[in-house]
Protein backbone atom coordinates (compact mmCIF):
# COMPACT_ATOMS: atom_id res chain seq x y z
CA MET A 1 8.21 -28.72 1.79
CA PRO A 2 4.96 -26.77 2.24
CA LYS A 3 4.08 -23.69 0.27
CA ILE A 4 4.80 -20.33 1.91
CA LYS A 5 1.62 -18.44 2.68
CA THR A 6 1.17 -14.83 1.65
CA LYS A 7 0.53 -12.41 4.53
CA SER A 8 -3.18 -11.68 4.45
CA ALA A 9 -2.72 -8.05 5.62
CA ALA A 10 -0.28 -7.42 2.81
CA LYS A 11 -2.41 -8.81 0.03
CA LYS A 12 -5.27 -6.55 1.15
CA ARG A 13 -3.10 -3.43 1.16
CA PHE A 14 -0.72 -3.71 -1.83
CA THR A 15 -1.19 -4.33 -5.54
CA LEU A 16 1.34 -4.78 -8.30
CA THR A 17 1.51 -2.45 -11.32
CA GLY A 18 2.20 -3.65 -14.82
CA THR A 19 5.83 -2.55 -14.60
CA GLY A 20 6.39 -4.44 -11.31
CA LYS A 21 6.13 -1.51 -8.87
CA ILE A 22 3.99 -1.84 -5.76
CA LYS A 23 1.01 0.48 -5.26
CA ARG A 24 -0.24 1.49 -1.82
CA LYS A 25 -2.90 3.72 -0.30
CA HIS A 26 -2.13 6.78 1.82
CA ALA A 27 -2.77 6.68 5.57
CA TYR A 28 -5.02 9.14 7.44
CA HIS A 29 -7.88 9.00 4.95
CA SER A 30 -10.30 6.71 6.78
CA HIS A 31 -11.90 8.80 9.51
CA ILE A 32 -11.86 12.22 11.27
CA LEU A 33 -11.98 13.92 7.88
CA THR A 34 -13.87 17.04 9.00
CA LYS A 35 -10.79 18.80 10.39
CA LYS A 36 -8.68 17.98 7.33
CA SER A 37 -8.59 20.41 4.42
CA THR A 38 -10.11 19.54 1.05
CA LYS A 39 -6.69 19.69 -0.59
CA ARG A 40 -5.19 17.32 1.98
CA LYS A 41 -8.07 14.82 1.56
CA ARG A 42 -7.79 15.01 -2.23
CA ILE A 43 -4.04 14.22 -2.10
CA LEU A 44 -4.59 11.36 0.39
CA ALA A 45 -7.25 9.84 -1.87
CA GLY A 46 -4.71 9.14 -4.60
CA VAL A 47 -2.47 6.11 -4.67
CA GLY A 48 1.24 6.15 -3.91
CA LEU A 49 4.10 3.81 -4.58
CA VAL A 50 6.03 1.87 -1.97
CA SER A 51 9.50 3.38 -1.50
CA THR A 52 12.51 1.45 -2.72
CA ALA A 53 13.73 1.06 0.86
CA ASP A 54 10.57 -0.78 1.86
CA GLU A 55 9.96 -2.63 -1.41
CA GLY A 56 12.02 -5.67 -0.42
CA ARG A 57 10.03 -6.18 2.80
CA VAL A 58 6.71 -5.84 0.99
CA ARG A 59 7.82 -8.30 -1.70
CA ALA A 60 8.76 -10.79 1.03
CA MET A 61 5.31 -10.46 2.58
CA LEU A 62 3.65 -10.98 -0.82
CA ASN A 63 6.08 -13.80 -1.82
CA ILE A 64 6.91 -12.15 -5.14
């Protein structure tokens, strides 16, 4: 039986924390930043956590 490959897109986008939660970046922070407020850009720059509803799907993509 061959090994199951990790989804390349998922391994670039998600990282595991020490407690086993999955970190993610916010969307809408890559371009067209001139029209966005400073507060909005500052909040988007921070990391978020994957919601519990989506965590199973992300774990399946990462083969955790």
